[in-house]
Amino acid sequence: MFSSQHILLTNGLTLFGLCFVSLVGDCLCFGRPLSIYTVPNIYLRSLTDNLTHGLISVFATSFLFGWTQRSLLIIAFLAGCFIDIDHFIEVHSLSLNRVLNSQRQDRPFLHNSLFLLTITFVAYGFEYFLCRNQHSYYSIIFFLGWSTHHLRDAQRRGLTLLPLGETSPIYHYLPIMCFVLVTMKLTHMFVFNTQSVSSVTLSIV
């Protein structure tokens, strides 16, 4: 009983932390949902925005795999942050000033959700057939990194699903994010955990 209560409490606090970090990041970067304080410096605001993406990815990953696998959490942070590198690739420069002053209206290629979803399925296929006995979850962490990044960005510009098009802005992205995470958690518990505990190298809690 104590173990079950501990698991529920940990998962609940992790989801709360994800929502809290996301809302604080939105307030600091965009002045919503509460315009208490917005970071005035555009460069510091961009850094805060990117760090928020990384932290959300960490909370999402820890919700599935726990807080004990620190190497996975570092990878999750990088997965949530690296998406924005395509802005620099698009302008062929490492200058943040040039990125911020770019007049391009279309989203860079790493912000195309359909493109990254395809890559995720391919990566998962390789993991499934080549690392079947090693329980590699890097494709799932990659998915959590870019999908949470895209969902948070979607409140401003919607999801990019080229060549199919784009969606309208998704203002209430947090409930969607939490629903997807809970669904993945339940799938992980009731499908993947049918194997013996001794063969699992990653702890769920």
C-alpha atoms as a PDB file:
ATOM      1  CA  MET A   1       0.000   0.000   0.000  1.00  0.00           C
ATOM      2  CA  PHE A   2       2.778   2.376   0.985  1.00  0.00           C
ATOM      3  CA  SER A   3       4.591   1.637  -2.266  1.00  0.00           C
ATOM      4  CA  SER A   4       1.477   2.364  -4.347  1.00  0.00           C
ATOM      5  CA  GLN A   5       0.855   5.599  -2.473  1.00  0.00           C
ATOM      6  CA  HIS A   6       4.478   6.610  -2.959  1.00  0.00           C
ATOM      7  CA  ILE A   7       4.251   5.933  -6.695  1.00  0.00           C
ATOM      8  CA  LEU A   8       1.030   7.926  -7.060  1.00  0.00           C
ATOM      9  CA  LEU A   9       2.458  10.807  -5.029  1.00  0.00           C
ATOM     10  CA  THR A  10       5.685  10.867  -7.045  1.00  0.00           C
ATOM     11  CA  ASN A  11       3.830  10.772 -10.354  1.00  0.00           C
ATOM     12  CA  GLY A  12       1.402  13.450  -9.226  1.00  0.00           C
ATOM     13  CA  LEU A  13       4.179  15.765  -8.056  1.00  0.00           C
ATOM     14  CA  THR A  14       6.073  15.182 -11.294  1.00  0.00           C
ATOM     15  CA  LEU A  15       3.073  16.194 -13.409  1.00  0.00           C
ATOM     16  CA  PHE A  16       2.514  19.191 -11.149  1.00  0.00           C
ATOM     17  CA  GLY A  17       6.159  20.156 -11.583  1.00  0.00           C
ATOM     18  CA  LEU A  18       5.836  19.881 -15.359  1.00  0.00           C
ATOM     19  CA  CYS A  19       2.795  22.162 -15.392  1.00  0.00           C
ATOM     20  CA  PHE A  20       4.393  24.609 -12.953  1.00  0.00           C
ATOM     21  CA  VAL A  21       7.627  24.911 -14.947  1.00  0.00           C
ATOM     22  CA  SER A  22       5.670  25.340 -18.170  1.00  0.00           C
ATOM     23  CA  LEU A  23       3.381  28.042 -16.777  1.00  0.00           C
ATOM     24  CA  VAL A  24       6.260  29.947 -15.163  1.00  0.00           C
ATOM     25  CA  GLY A  25       8.198  29.772 -18.424  1.00  0.00           C
ATOM     26  CA  ASP A  26       5.193  31.063 -20.377  1.00  0.00           C
ATOM     27  CA  CYS A  27       4.742  33.937 -17.931  1.00  0.00           C
ATOM     28  CA  LEU A  28       8.409  34.923 -18.094  1.00  0.00           C
ATOM     29  CA  CYS A  29       8.667  34.627 -21.873  1.00  0.00           C
ATOM     30  CA  PHE A  30       5.249  35.619 -23.211  1.00  0.00           C
ATOM     31  CA  GLY A  31       3.345  37.237 -20.346  1.00  0.00           C
ATOM     32  CA  ARG A  32       0.632  34.596 -20.293  1.00  0.00           C
ATOM     33  CA  PRO A  33      -1.465  33.215 -18.735  1.00  0.00           C
ATOM     34  CA  LEU A  34      -0.412  35.791 -16.106  1.00  0.00           C
ATOM     35  CA  SER A  35       1.484  38.939 -17.019  1.00  0.00           C
ATOM     36  CA  ILE A  36       3.183  39.269 -13.629  1.00  0.00           C
ATOM     37  CA  TYR A  37       6.678  39.663 -15.039  1.00  0.00           C
ATOM     38  CA  THR A  38       8.133  39.230 -18.505  1.00  0.00           C
ATOM     39  CA  VAL A  39      11.878  39.026 -19.059  1.00  0.00           C
ATOM     40  CA  PRO A  40      12.680  42.350 -20.769  1.00  0.00           C
ATOM     41  CA  ASN A  41      15.913  41.318 -22.488  1.00  0.00           C
ATOM     42  CA  ILE A  42      15.102  39.466 -25.703  1.00  0.00           C
ATOM     43  CA  TYR A  43      18.251  37.333 -25.538  1.00  0.00           C
ATOM     44  CA  LEU A  44      17.647  36.286 -21.941  1.00  0.00           C
ATOM     45  CA  ARG A  45      14.012  35.632 -22.841  1.00  0.00           C
ATOM     46  CA  SER A  46      15.082  33.289 -25.646  1.00  0.00           C
ATOM     47  CA  LEU A  47      17.410  31.454 -23.264  1.00  0.00           C
ATOM     48  CA  THR A  48      14.623  31.162 -20.678  1.00  0.00           C
ATOM     49  CA  ASP A  49      12.273  29.806 -23.330  1.00  0.00           C
ATOM     50  CA  ASN A  50      14.758  27.155 -24.413  1.00  0.00           C
ATOM     51  CA  LEU A  51      15.574  26.139 -20.834  1.00  0.00           C
ATOM     52  CA  THR A  52      11.848  25.777 -20.164  1.00  0.00           C
ATOM     53  CA  HIS A  53      11.574  23.371 -23.097  1.00  0.00           C
ATOM     54  CA  GLY A  54      14.447  21.332 -21.683  1.00  0.00           C
ATOM     55  CA  LEU A  55      13.015  21.186 -18.160  1.00  0.00           C
ATOM     56  CA  ILE A  56       9.580  20.147 -19.433  1.00  0.00           C
ATOM     57  CA  SER A  57      11.237  17.289 -21.311  1.00  0.00           C
ATOM     58  CA  VAL A  58      13.027  16.257 -18.098  1.00  0.00           C
ATOM     59  CA  PHE A  59       9.770  16.177 -16.120  1.00  0.00           C
ATOM     60  CA  ALA A  60       8.021  14.242 -18.905  1.00  0.00           C
ATOM     61  CA  THR A  61      10.819  11.668 -19.028  1.00  0.00           C
ATOM     62  CA  SER A  62      10.963  11.316 -15.242  1.00  0.00           C
ATOM     63  CA  PHE A  63       7.203  10.736 -15.202  1.00  0.00           C
ATOM     64  CA  LEU A  64       7.743   7.623 -17.319  1.00  0.00           C
ATOM     65  CA  PHE A  65      11.124   6.380 -16.111  1.00  0.00           C
ATOM     66  CA  GLY A  66      11.671   7.998 -12.724  1.00  0.00           C
ATOM     67  CA  TRP A  67      14.290  10.343 -11.329  1.00  0.00           C
ATOM     68  CA  THR A  68      17.019   7.769 -10.663  1.00  0.00           C
ATOM     69  CA  GLN A  69      18.360   7.474 -14.224  1.00  0.00           C
ATOM     70  CA  ARG A  70      20.266  10.753 -14.367  1.00  0.00           C
ATOM     71  CA  SER A  71      21.887   9.999 -17.705  1.00  0.00           C
ATOM     72  CA  LEU A  72      18.429   9.660 -19.254  1.00  0.00           C
ATOM     73  CA  LEU A  73      17.340  12.961 -17.728  1.00  0.00           C
ATOM     74  CA  ILE A  74      20.372  14.718 -19.211  1.00  0.00           C
ATOM     75  CA  ILE A  75      19.527  13.255 -22.611  1.00  0.00           C
ATOM     76  CA  ALA A  76      15.916  14.348 -22.117  1.00  0.00           C
ATOM     77  CA  PHE A  77      17.017  17.919 -21.357  1.00  0.00           C
ATOM     78  CA  LEU A  78      19.139  18.019 -24.499  1.00  0.00           C
ATOM     79  CA  ALA A  79      16.296  16.511 -26.548  1.00  0.00           C
ATOM     80  CA  GLY A  80      13.949  19.267 -25.416  1.00  0.00           C
ATOM     81  CA  CYS A  81      16.468  22.022 -26.140  1.00  0.00           C
ATOM     82  CA  PHE A  82      18.152  20.943 -29.355  1.00  0.00           C
ATOM     83  CA  ILE A  83      15.040  21.430 -31.526  1.00  0.00           C
ATOM     84  CA  ASP A  84      15.727  25.165 -31.699  1.00  0.00           C
ATOM     85  CA  ILE A  85      19.064  24.553 -33.396  1.00  0.00           C
ATOM     86  CA  ASP A  86      17.203  24.526 -36.703  1.00  0.00           C
ATOM     87  CA  HIS A  87      16.705  28.293 -36.367  1.00  0.00           C
ATOM     88  CA  PHE A  88      20.473  28.725 -36.639  1.00  0.00           C
ATOM     89  CA  ILE A  89      20.712  26.226 -39.490  1.00  0.00           C
ATOM     90  CA  GLU A  90      18.034  28.108 -41.438  1.00  0.00           C
ATOM     91  CA  VAL A  91      19.912  31.426 -41.259  1.00  0.00           C
ATOM     92  CA  HIS A  92      23.341  29.755 -41.735  1.00  0.00           C
ATOM     93  CA  SER A  93      24.737  31.514 -38.693  1.00  0.00           C
ATOM     94  CA  LEU A  94      25.467  30.992 -34.996  1.00  0.00           C
ATOM     95  CA  SER A  95      24.358  34.543 -34.240  1.00  0.00           C
ATOM     96  CA  LEU A  96      21.313  34.687 -31.965  1.00  0.00           C
ATOM     97  CA  ASN A  97      20.749  38.268 -33.095  1.00  0.00           C
ATOM     98  CA  ARG A  98      20.460  37.118 -36.708  1.00  0.00           C
ATOM     99  CA  VAL A  99      18.026  34.373 -35.714  1.00  0.00           C
ATOM    100  CA  LEU A 100      15.806  36.767 -33.770  1.00  0.00           C
ATOM    101  CA  ASN A 101      15.758  39.245 -36.641  1.00  0.00           C
ATOM    102  CA  SER A 102      15.048  36.672 -39.317  1.00  0.00           C
ATOM    103  CA  GLN A 103      12.016  37.523 -41.455  1.00  0.00           C
ATOM    104  CA  ARG A 104      11.192  33.917 -42.349  1.00  0.00           C
ATOM    105  CA  GLN A 105       7.523  33.108 -41.789  1.00  0.00           C
ATOM    106  CA  ASP A 106       7.650  29.326 -42.236  1.00  0.00           C
ATOM    107  CA  ARG A 107       8.761  27.042 -39.426  1.00  0.00           C
ATOM    108  CA  PRO A 108      12.218  25.399 -39.624  1.00  0.00           C
ATOM    109  CA  PHE A 109      12.428  21.697 -40.447  1.00  0.00           C
ATOM    110  CA  LEU A 110      12.883  20.441 -36.863  1.00  0.00           C
ATOM    111  CA  HIS A 111       9.586  22.120 -35.969  1.00  0.00           C
ATOM    112  CA  ASN A 112       7.751  19.892 -38.460  1.00  0.00           C
ATOM    113  CA  SER A 113       5.932  17.426 -36.193  1.00  0.00           C
ATOM    114  CA  LEU A 114       5.131  14.973 -38.989  1.00  0.00           C
ATOM    115  CA  PHE A 115       8.786  14.822 -40.029  1.00  0.00           C
ATOM    116  CA  LEU A 116      10.031  14.104 -36.500  1.00  0.00           C
ATOM    117  CA  LEU A 117       7.221  11.617 -35.870  1.00  0.00           C
ATOM    118  CA  THR A 118       8.428   9.649 -38.890  1.00  0.00           C
ATOM    119  CA  ILE A 119      11.995   9.709 -37.569  1.00  0.00           C
ATOM    120  CA  THR A 120      10.740   8.549 -34.162  1.00  0.00           C
ATOM    121  CA  PHE A 121       8.976   5.516 -35.664  1.00  0.00           C
ATOM    122  CA  VAL A 122      12.084   4.610 -37.675  1.00  0.00           C
ATOM    123  CA  ALA A 123      14.310   4.957 -34.590  1.00  0.00           C
ATOM    124  CA  TYR A 124      11.890   2.894 -32.509  1.00  0.00           C
ATOM    125  CA  GLY A 125      11.918   0.192 -35.183  1.00  0.00           C
ATOM    126  CA  PHE A 126      15.713   0.018 -35.070  1.00  0.00           C
ATOM    127  CA  GLU A 127      15.644  -0.159 -31.270  1.00  0.00           C
ATOM    128  CA  TYR A 128      12.989  -2.855 -31.263  1.00  0.00           C
ATOM    129  CA  PHE A 129      14.821  -5.171 -33.646  1.00  0.00           C
ATOM    130  CA  LEU A 130      18.452  -4.403 -32.746  1.00  0.00           C
ATOM    131  CA  CYS A 131      18.211  -3.742 -28.995  1.00  0.00           C
ATOM    132  CA  ARG A 132      15.288  -5.969 -28.082  1.00  0.00           C
ATOM    133  CA  ASN A 133      16.968  -7.434 -25.015  1.00  0.00           C
ATOM    134  CA  GLN A 134      18.544  -4.195 -23.801  1.00  0.00           C
ATOM    135  CA  HIS A 135      15.359  -2.188 -23.197  1.00  0.00           C
ATOM    136  CA  SER A 136      16.586   0.934 -24.958  1.00  0.00           C
ATOM    137  CA  TYR A 137      14.189   3.846 -24.606  1.00  0.00           C
ATOM    138  CA  TYR A 138      16.060   6.581 -26.461  1.00  0.00           C
ATOM    139  CA  SER A 139      13.435   6.870 -29.190  1.00  0.00           C
ATOM    140  CA  ILE A 140      10.772   7.440 -26.519  1.00  0.00           C
ATOM    141  CA  ILE A 141      12.904  10.118 -24.859  1.00  0.00           C
ATOM    142  CA  PHE A 142      13.453  11.717 -28.264  1.00  0.00           C
ATOM    143  CA  PHE A 143       9.686  11.698 -28.802  1.00  0.00           C
ATOM    144  CA  LEU A 144       9.055  13.295 -25.408  1.00  0.00           C
ATOM    145  CA  GLY A 145      11.658  15.963 -26.110  1.00  0.00           C
ATOM    146  CA  TRP A 146      10.370  17.158 -29.449  1.00  0.00           C
ATOM    147  CA  SER A 147       6.642  16.574 -28.863  1.00  0.00           C
ATOM    148  CA  THR A 148       6.536  18.605 -25.640  1.00  0.00           C
ATOM    149  CA  HIS A 149       8.572  21.302 -27.382  1.00  0.00           C
ATOM    150  CA  HIS A 150       6.173  21.395 -30.327  1.00  0.00           C
ATOM    151  CA  LEU A 151       3.055  21.375 -28.148  1.00  0.00           C
ATOM    152  CA  ARG A 152       4.304  24.311 -26.097  1.00  0.00           C
ATOM    153  CA  ASP A 153       5.224  26.216 -29.262  1.00  0.00           C
ATOM    154  CA  ALA A 154       1.809  25.374 -30.733  1.00  0.00           C
ATOM    155  CA  GLN A 155       0.051  27.817 -28.427  1.00  0.00           C
ATOM    156  CA  ARG A 156       1.475  30.567 -30.628  1.00  0.00           C
ATOM    157  CA  ARG A 157       1.607  29.133 -34.145  1.00  0.00           C
ATOM    158  CA  GLY A 158      -0.067  25.735 -34.093  1.00  0.00           C
ATOM    159  CA  LEU A 159       1.525  22.446 -35.122  1.00  0.00           C
ATOM    160  CA  THR A 160       3.394  22.187 -38.413  1.00  0.00           C
ATOM    161  CA  LEU A 161       2.465  18.982 -40.243  1.00  0.00           C
ATOM    162  CA  LEU A 162       4.042  19.498 -43.649  1.00  0.00           C
ATOM    163  CA  PRO A 163       3.261  18.522 -46.325  1.00  0.00           C
ATOM    164  CA  LEU A 164      -0.270  18.246 -44.902  1.00  0.00           C
ATOM    165  CA  GLY A 165      -0.366  21.802 -43.588  1.00  0.00           C
ATOM    166  CA  GLU A 166      -0.601  23.442 -40.182  1.00  0.00           C
ATOM    167  CA  THR A 167      -3.089  23.469 -37.329  1.00  0.00           C
ATOM    168  CA  SER A 168      -4.552  26.502 -35.637  1.00  0.00           C
ATOM    169  CA  PRO A 169      -2.929  27.598 -32.341  1.00  0.00           C
ATOM    170  CA  ILE A 170      -3.413  25.156 -29.451  1.00  0.00           C
ATOM    171  CA  TYR A 171      -3.890  27.369 -26.410  1.00  0.00           C
ATOM    172  CA  HIS A 172      -4.623  24.640 -23.848  1.00  0.00           C
ATOM    173  CA  TYR A 173      -1.650  22.415 -24.572  1.00  0.00           C
ATOM    174  CA  LEU A 174      -0.956  21.280 -20.999  1.00  0.00           C
ATOM    175  CA  PRO A 175      -4.035  19.002 -20.691  1.00  0.00           C
ATOM    176  CA  ILE A 176      -3.058  17.374 -24.002  1.00  0.00           C
ATOM    177  CA  MET A 177       0.516  16.920 -22.796  1.00  0.00           C
ATOM    178  CA  CYS A 178      -0.607  15.370 -19.499  1.00  0.00           C
ATOM    179  CA  PHE A 179      -3.118  13.076 -21.240  1.00  0.00           C
ATOM    180  CA  VAL A 180      -0.446  11.767 -23.614  1.00  0.00           C
ATOM    181  CA  LEU A 181       1.980  11.196 -20.728  1.00  0.00           C
ATOM    182  CA  VAL A 182      -0.581   9.344 -18.622  1.00  0.00           C
ATOM    183  CA  THR A 183      -1.498   7.188 -21.632  1.00  0.00           C
ATOM    184  CA  MET A 184       2.166   6.361 -22.248  1.00  0.00           C
ATOM    185  CA  LYS A 185       2.659   5.611 -18.549  1.00  0.00           C
ATOM    186  CA  LEU A 186      -0.251   3.181 -18.484  1.00  0.00           C
ATOM    187  CA  THR A 187       0.985   1.527 -21.678  1.00  0.00           C
ATOM    188  CA  HIS A 188       4.432   1.163 -20.169  1.00  0.00           C
ATOM    189  CA  MET A 189       3.016  -0.350 -16.981  1.00  0.00           C
ATOM    190  CA  PHE A 190       0.594  -2.832 -18.509  1.00  0.00           C
ATOM    191  CA  VAL A 191       2.420  -3.838 -21.693  1.00  0.00           C
ATOM    192  CA  PHE A 192       6.173  -3.539 -21.259  1.00  0.00           C
ATOM    193  CA  ASN A 193       6.146  -4.616 -17.633  1.00  0.00           C
ATOM    194  CA  THR A 194       4.820  -8.067 -18.475  1.00  0.00           C
ATOM    195  CA  GLN A 195       8.478  -9.079 -18.655  1.00  0.00           C
ATOM    196  CA  SER A 196      10.286 -10.168 -15.522  1.00  0.00           C
ATOM    197  CA  VAL A 197      11.562  -7.472 -13.220  1.00  0.00           C
ATOM    198  CA  SER A 198      15.070  -8.852 -13.366  1.00  0.00           C
ATOM    199  CA  SER A 199      15.295  -8.182 -17.100  1.00  0.00           C
ATOM    200  CA  VAL A 200      14.354  -4.536 -16.836  1.00  0.00           C
ATOM    201  CA  THR A 201      17.302  -2.129 -16.610  1.00  0.00           C
ATOM    202  CA  LEU A 202      15.314   1.069 -16.172  1.00  0.00           C
ATOM    203  CA  SER A 203      13.186   1.783 -13.108  1.00  0.00           C
ATOM    204  CA  ILE A 204       9.718   3.173 -13.678  1.00  0.00           C
ATOM    205  CA  VAL A 205       9.705   5.090 -10.396  1.00  0.00           C
END
